[in-house]
Amino acid sequence: MHFSINLTTGTFYYSTYGNNQINAVKLEKDRLDQTELLQYPLQSEQAINFQN
């Protein structure tokens, strides 16, 4: 897995070995104050981005 975090926008970007598409999770400040662990599903399938 490869990942990067933009600290200005609070966005976590990642790609996996099985899915090299860049995926992003927006980390909202108000939800980060919770005591429960936040979980998001891992995107394992690529999507096609049609541009026309």
PDB file of N, CA and C in Angstrom:
ATOM      1  N   MET A   1       0.843  -1.169   0.000  1.00  0.00           N
ATOM      2  CA  MET A   1       0.000   0.000   0.000  1.00  0.00           C
ATOM      3  C   MET A   1       0.890   1.235   0.000  1.00  0.00           C
ATOM      4  N   HIS A   2       0.498   2.207  -0.775  1.00  0.00           N
ATOM      5  CA  HIS A   2       1.154   3.508  -0.800  1.00  0.00           C
ATOM      6  C   HIS A   2       0.143   4.525  -0.309  1.00  0.00           C
ATOM      7  N   PHE A   3       0.605   5.523   0.457  1.00  0.00           N
ATOM      8  CA  PHE A   3      -0.328   6.517   0.941  1.00  0.00           C
ATOM      9  C   PHE A   3       0.348   7.863   1.117  1.00  0.00           C
ATOM     10  N   SER A   4      -0.487   8.892   1.187  1.00  0.00           N
ATOM     11  CA  SER A   4      -0.030  10.260   1.385  1.00  0.00           C
ATOM     12  C   SER A   4      -1.144  11.010   2.107  1.00  0.00           C
ATOM     13  N   ILE A   5      -0.781  12.006   2.894  1.00  0.00           N
ATOM     14  CA  ILE A   5      -1.773  12.812   3.599  1.00  0.00           C
ATOM     15  C   ILE A   5      -1.516  14.285   3.288  1.00  0.00           C
ATOM     16  N   ASN A   6      -2.563  14.985   2.873  1.00  0.00           N
ATOM     17  CA  ASN A   6      -2.492  16.422   2.678  1.00  0.00           C
ATOM     18  C   ASN A   6      -2.957  17.067   3.975  1.00  0.00           C
ATOM     19  N   LEU A   7      -2.046  17.623   4.726  1.00  0.00           N
ATOM     20  CA  LEU A   7      -2.388  18.190   6.034  1.00  0.00           C
ATOM     21  C   LEU A   7      -3.192  19.481   5.921  1.00  0.00           C
ATOM     22  N   THR A   8      -3.115  20.164   4.792  1.00  0.00           N
ATOM     23  CA  THR A   8      -3.880  21.384   4.593  1.00  0.00           C
ATOM     24  C   THR A   8      -5.364  21.087   4.440  1.00  0.00           C
ATOM     25  N   THR A   9      -5.691  20.065   3.649  1.00  0.00           N
ATOM     26  CA  THR A   9      -7.095  19.731   3.393  1.00  0.00           C
ATOM     27  C   THR A   9      -7.600  18.592   4.273  1.00  0.00           C
ATOM     28  N   GLY A  10      -6.704  17.881   4.946  1.00  0.00           N
ATOM     29  CA  GLY A  10      -7.117  16.745   5.773  1.00  0.00           C
ATOM     30  C   GLY A  10      -7.554  15.559   4.941  1.00  0.00           C
ATOM     31  N   THR A  11      -6.920  15.369   3.791  1.00  0.00           N
ATOM     32  CA  THR A  11      -7.287  14.279   2.892  1.00  0.00           C
ATOM     33  C   THR A  11      -6.214  13.196   2.905  1.00  0.00           C
ATOM     34  N   PHE A  12      -6.645  11.955   3.084  1.00  0.00           N
ATOM     35  CA  PHE A  12      -5.779  10.780   3.089  1.00  0.00           C
ATOM     36  C   PHE A  12      -5.917  10.112   1.719  1.00  0.00           C
ATOM     37  N   TYR A  13      -4.823  10.022   0.973  1.00  0.00           N
ATOM     38  CA  TYR A  13      -4.814   9.391  -0.352  1.00  0.00           C
ATOM     39  C   TYR A  13      -4.102   8.056  -0.252  1.00  0.00           C
ATOM     40  N   TYR A  14      -4.622   7.039  -0.950  1.00  0.00           N
ATOM     41  CA  TYR A  14      -3.954   5.743  -0.932  1.00  0.00           C
ATOM     42  C   TYR A  14      -4.190   4.974  -2.224  1.00  0.00           C
ATOM     43  N   SER A  15      -3.292   4.052  -2.495  1.00  0.00           N
ATOM     44  CA  SER A  15      -3.456   3.059  -3.559  1.00  0.00           C
ATOM     45  C   SER A  15      -2.892   1.755  -3.013  1.00  0.00           C
ATOM     46  N   THR A  16      -3.341   0.641  -3.561  1.00  0.00           N
ATOM     47  CA  THR A  16      -2.868  -0.662  -3.107  1.00  0.00           C
ATOM     48  C   THR A  16      -2.176  -1.372  -4.263  1.00  0.00           C
ATOM     49  N   TYR A  17      -1.507  -2.461  -3.979  1.00  0.00           N
ATOM     50  CA  TYR A  17      -0.839  -3.220  -5.034  1.00  0.00           C
ATOM     51  C   TYR A  17      -1.852  -3.833  -5.998  1.00  0.00           C
ATOM     52  N   GLY A  18      -3.030  -4.187  -5.513  1.00  0.00           N
ATOM     53  CA  GLY A  18      -4.062  -4.769  -6.359  1.00  0.00           C
ATOM     54  C   GLY A  18      -4.917  -3.734  -7.072  1.00  0.00           C
ATOM     55  N   ASN A  19      -4.862  -2.474  -6.626  1.00  0.00           N
ATOM     56  CA  ASN A  19      -5.653  -1.392  -7.216  1.00  0.00           C
ATOM     57  C   ASN A  19      -4.794  -0.138  -7.199  1.00  0.00           C
ATOM     58  N   ASN A  20      -4.148   0.178  -8.337  1.00  0.00           N
ATOM     59  CA  ASN A  20      -3.235   1.322  -8.361  1.00  0.00           C
ATOM     60  C   ASN A  20      -3.937   2.655  -8.594  1.00  0.00           C
ATOM     61  N   GLN A  21      -5.272   2.640  -8.632  1.00  0.00           N
ATOM     62  CA  GLN A  21      -6.038   3.885  -8.721  1.00  0.00           C
ATOM     63  C   GLN A  21      -5.855   4.649  -7.416  1.00  0.00           C
ATOM     64  N   ILE A  22      -5.768   5.971  -7.501  1.00  0.00           N
ATOM     65  CA  ILE A  22      -5.659   6.781  -6.288  1.00  0.00           C
ATOM     66  C   ILE A  22      -7.047   6.961  -5.682  1.00  0.00           C
ATOM     67  N   ASN A  23      -7.179   6.588  -4.419  1.00  0.00           N
ATOM     68  CA  ASN A  23      -8.424   6.745  -3.667  1.00  0.00           C
ATOM     69  C   ASN A  23      -8.182   7.784  -2.576  1.00  0.00           C
ATOM     70  N   ALA A  24      -9.238   8.471  -2.162  1.00  0.00           N
ATOM     71  CA  ALA A  24      -9.084   9.520  -1.155  1.00  0.00           C
ATOM     72  C   ALA A  24     -10.172   9.412  -0.096  1.00  0.00           C
ATOM     73  N   VAL A  25      -9.791   9.717   1.137  1.00  0.00           N
ATOM     74  CA  VAL A  25     -10.729   9.788   2.257  1.00  0.00           C
ATOM     75  C   VAL A  25     -10.555  11.166   2.881  1.00  0.00           C
ATOM     76  N   LYS A  26     -11.643  11.956   2.906  1.00  0.00           N
ATOM     77  CA  LYS A  26     -11.615  13.285   3.509  1.00  0.00           C
ATOM     78  C   LYS A  26     -11.812  13.137   5.018  1.00  0.00           C
ATOM     79  N   LEU A  27     -10.812  13.510   5.791  1.00  0.00           N
ATOM     80  CA  LEU A  27     -10.868  13.391   7.247  1.00  0.00           C
ATOM     81  C   LEU A  27     -11.437  14.686   7.812  1.00  0.00           C
ATOM     82  N   GLU A  28     -12.703  14.657   8.202  1.00  0.00           N
ATOM     83  CA  GLU A  28     -13.371  15.852   8.701  1.00  0.00           C
ATOM     84  C   GLU A  28     -12.996  16.096  10.157  1.00  0.00           C
ATOM     85  N   LYS A  29     -12.678  17.325  10.453  1.00  0.00           N
ATOM     86  CA  LYS A  29     -12.157  17.686  11.771  1.00  0.00           C
ATOM     87  C   LYS A  29     -13.107  17.317  12.908  1.00  0.00           C
ATOM     88  N   ASP A  30     -14.413  17.544  12.720  1.00  0.00           N
ATOM     89  CA  ASP A  30     -15.357  17.257  13.804  1.00  0.00           C
ATOM     90  C   ASP A  30     -15.456  15.763  14.098  1.00  0.00           C
ATOM     91  N   ARG A  31     -15.242  14.910  13.108  1.00  0.00           N
ATOM     92  CA  ARG A  31     -15.304  13.466  13.339  1.00  0.00           C
ATOM     93  C   ARG A  31     -14.017  12.937  13.963  1.00  0.00           C
ATOM     94  N   LEU A  32     -12.930  13.674  13.872  1.00  0.00           N
ATOM     95  CA  LEU A  32     -11.662  13.224  14.450  1.00  0.00           C
ATOM     96  C   LEU A  32     -11.640  13.360  15.971  1.00  0.00           C
ATOM     97  N   ASP A  33     -12.581  14.096  16.523  1.00  0.00           N
ATOM     98  CA  ASP A  33     -12.654  14.267  17.979  1.00  0.00           C
ATOM     99  C   ASP A  33     -13.373  13.114  18.676  1.00  0.00           C
ATOM    100  N   GLN A  34     -13.885  12.153  17.918  1.00  0.00           N
ATOM    101  CA  GLN A  34     -14.601  11.023  18.505  1.00  0.00           C
ATOM    102  C   GLN A  34     -13.636  10.091  19.227  1.00  0.00           C
ATOM    103  N   THR A  35     -14.174   9.338  20.157  1.00  0.00           N
ATOM    104  CA  THR A  35     -13.346   8.355  20.855  1.00  0.00           C
ATOM    105  C   THR A  35     -13.385   6.994  20.166  1.00  0.00           C
ATOM    106  N   GLU A  36     -14.349   6.788  19.253  1.00  0.00           N
ATOM    107  CA  GLU A  36     -14.441   5.520  18.527  1.00  0.00           C
ATOM    108  C   GLU A  36     -13.574   5.564  17.274  1.00  0.00           C
ATOM    109  N   LEU A  37     -13.038   4.415  16.915  1.00  0.00           N
ATOM    110  CA  LEU A  37     -12.203   4.293  15.721  1.00  0.00           C
ATOM    111  C   LEU A  37     -13.066   4.404  14.470  1.00  0.00           C
ATOM    112  N   LEU A  38     -12.650   5.273  13.537  1.00  0.00           N
ATOM    113  CA  LEU A  38     -13.353   5.406  12.263  1.00  0.00           C
ATOM    114  C   LEU A  38     -12.776   4.404  11.271  1.00  0.00           C
ATOM    115  N   GLN A  39     -13.650   3.717  10.555  1.00  0.00           N
ATOM    116  CA  GLN A  39     -13.211   2.750   9.558  1.00  0.00           C
ATOM    117  C   GLN A  39     -13.896   3.046   8.231  1.00  0.00           C
ATOM    118  N   TYR A  40     -13.140   2.912   7.150  1.00  0.00           N
ATOM    119  CA  TYR A  40     -13.665   3.099   5.815  1.00  0.00           C
ATOM    120  C   TYR A  40     -13.313   1.857   4.999  1.00  0.00           C
ATOM    121  N   PRO A  41     -14.200   1.421   4.109  1.00  0.00           N
ATOM    122  CA  PRO A  41     -13.906   0.212   3.324  1.00  0.00           C
ATOM    123  C   PRO A  41     -12.746   0.452   2.357  1.00  0.00           C
ATOM    124  N   LEU A  42     -11.900  -0.539   2.223  1.00  0.00           N
ATOM    125  CA  LEU A  42     -10.776  -0.491   1.293  1.00  0.00           C
ATOM    126  C   LEU A  42     -11.298  -0.723  -0.120  1.00  0.00           C
ATOM    127  N   GLN A  43     -11.005   0.195  -1.032  1.00  0.00           N
ATOM    128  CA  GLN A  43     -11.454   0.062  -2.412  1.00  0.00           C
ATOM    129  C   GLN A  43     -10.519  -0.901  -3.146  1.00  0.00           C
ATOM    130  N   SER A  44     -11.030  -2.063  -3.507  1.00  0.00           N
ATOM    131  CA  SER A  44     -10.189  -3.085  -4.129  1.00  0.00           C
ATOM    132  C   SER A  44     -10.371  -3.184  -5.638  1.00  0.00           C
ATOM    133  N   GLU A  45     -11.377  -2.486  -6.176  1.00  0.00           N
ATOM    134  CA  GLU A  45     -11.614  -2.533  -7.619  1.00  0.00           C
ATOM    135  C   GLU A  45     -11.418  -1.148  -8.213  1.00  0.00           C
ATOM    136  N   GLN A  46     -10.811  -1.128  -9.408  1.00  0.00           N
ATOM    137  CA  GLN A  46     -10.603   0.142 -10.088  1.00  0.00           C
ATOM    138  C   GLN A  46     -11.880   0.598 -10.761  1.00  0.00           C
ATOM    139  N   ALA A  47     -12.037   1.892 -10.886  1.00  0.00           N
ATOM    140  CA  ALA A  47     -13.156   2.480 -11.618  1.00  0.00           C
ATOM    141  C   ALA A  47     -12.592   3.202 -12.834  1.00  0.00           C
ATOM    142  N   ILE A  48     -13.379   3.291 -13.869  1.00  0.00           N
ATOM    143  CA  ILE A  48     -12.960   3.991 -15.077  1.00  0.00           C
ATOM    144  C   ILE A  48     -13.549   5.393 -15.039  1.00  0.00           C
ATOM    145  N   ASN A  49     -12.702   6.381 -15.241  1.00  0.00           N
ATOM    146  CA  ASN A  49     -13.121   7.777 -15.249  1.00  0.00           C
ATOM    147  C   ASN A  49     -13.238   8.231 -16.700  1.00  0.00           C
ATOM    148  N   PHE A  50     -14.462   8.253 -17.222  1.00  0.00           N
ATOM    149  CA  PHE A  50     -14.674   8.709 -18.598  1.00  0.00           C
ATOM    150  C   PHE A  50     -14.586  10.225 -18.646  1.00  0.00           C
ATOM    151  N   GLN A  51     -13.836  10.764 -19.571  1.00  0.00           N
ATOM    152  CA  GLN A  51     -13.627  12.210 -19.658  1.00  0.00           C
ATOM    153  C   GLN A  51     -14.407  12.854 -20.791  1.00  0.00           C
ATOM    154  N   ASN A  52     -15.172  12.090 -21.553  1.00  0.00           N
ATOM    155  CA  ASN A  52     -15.982  12.713 -22.613  1.00  0.00           C
ATOM    156  C   ASN A  52     -17.323  12.047 -22.715  1.00  0.00           C
TER     157      ASN A  52
END
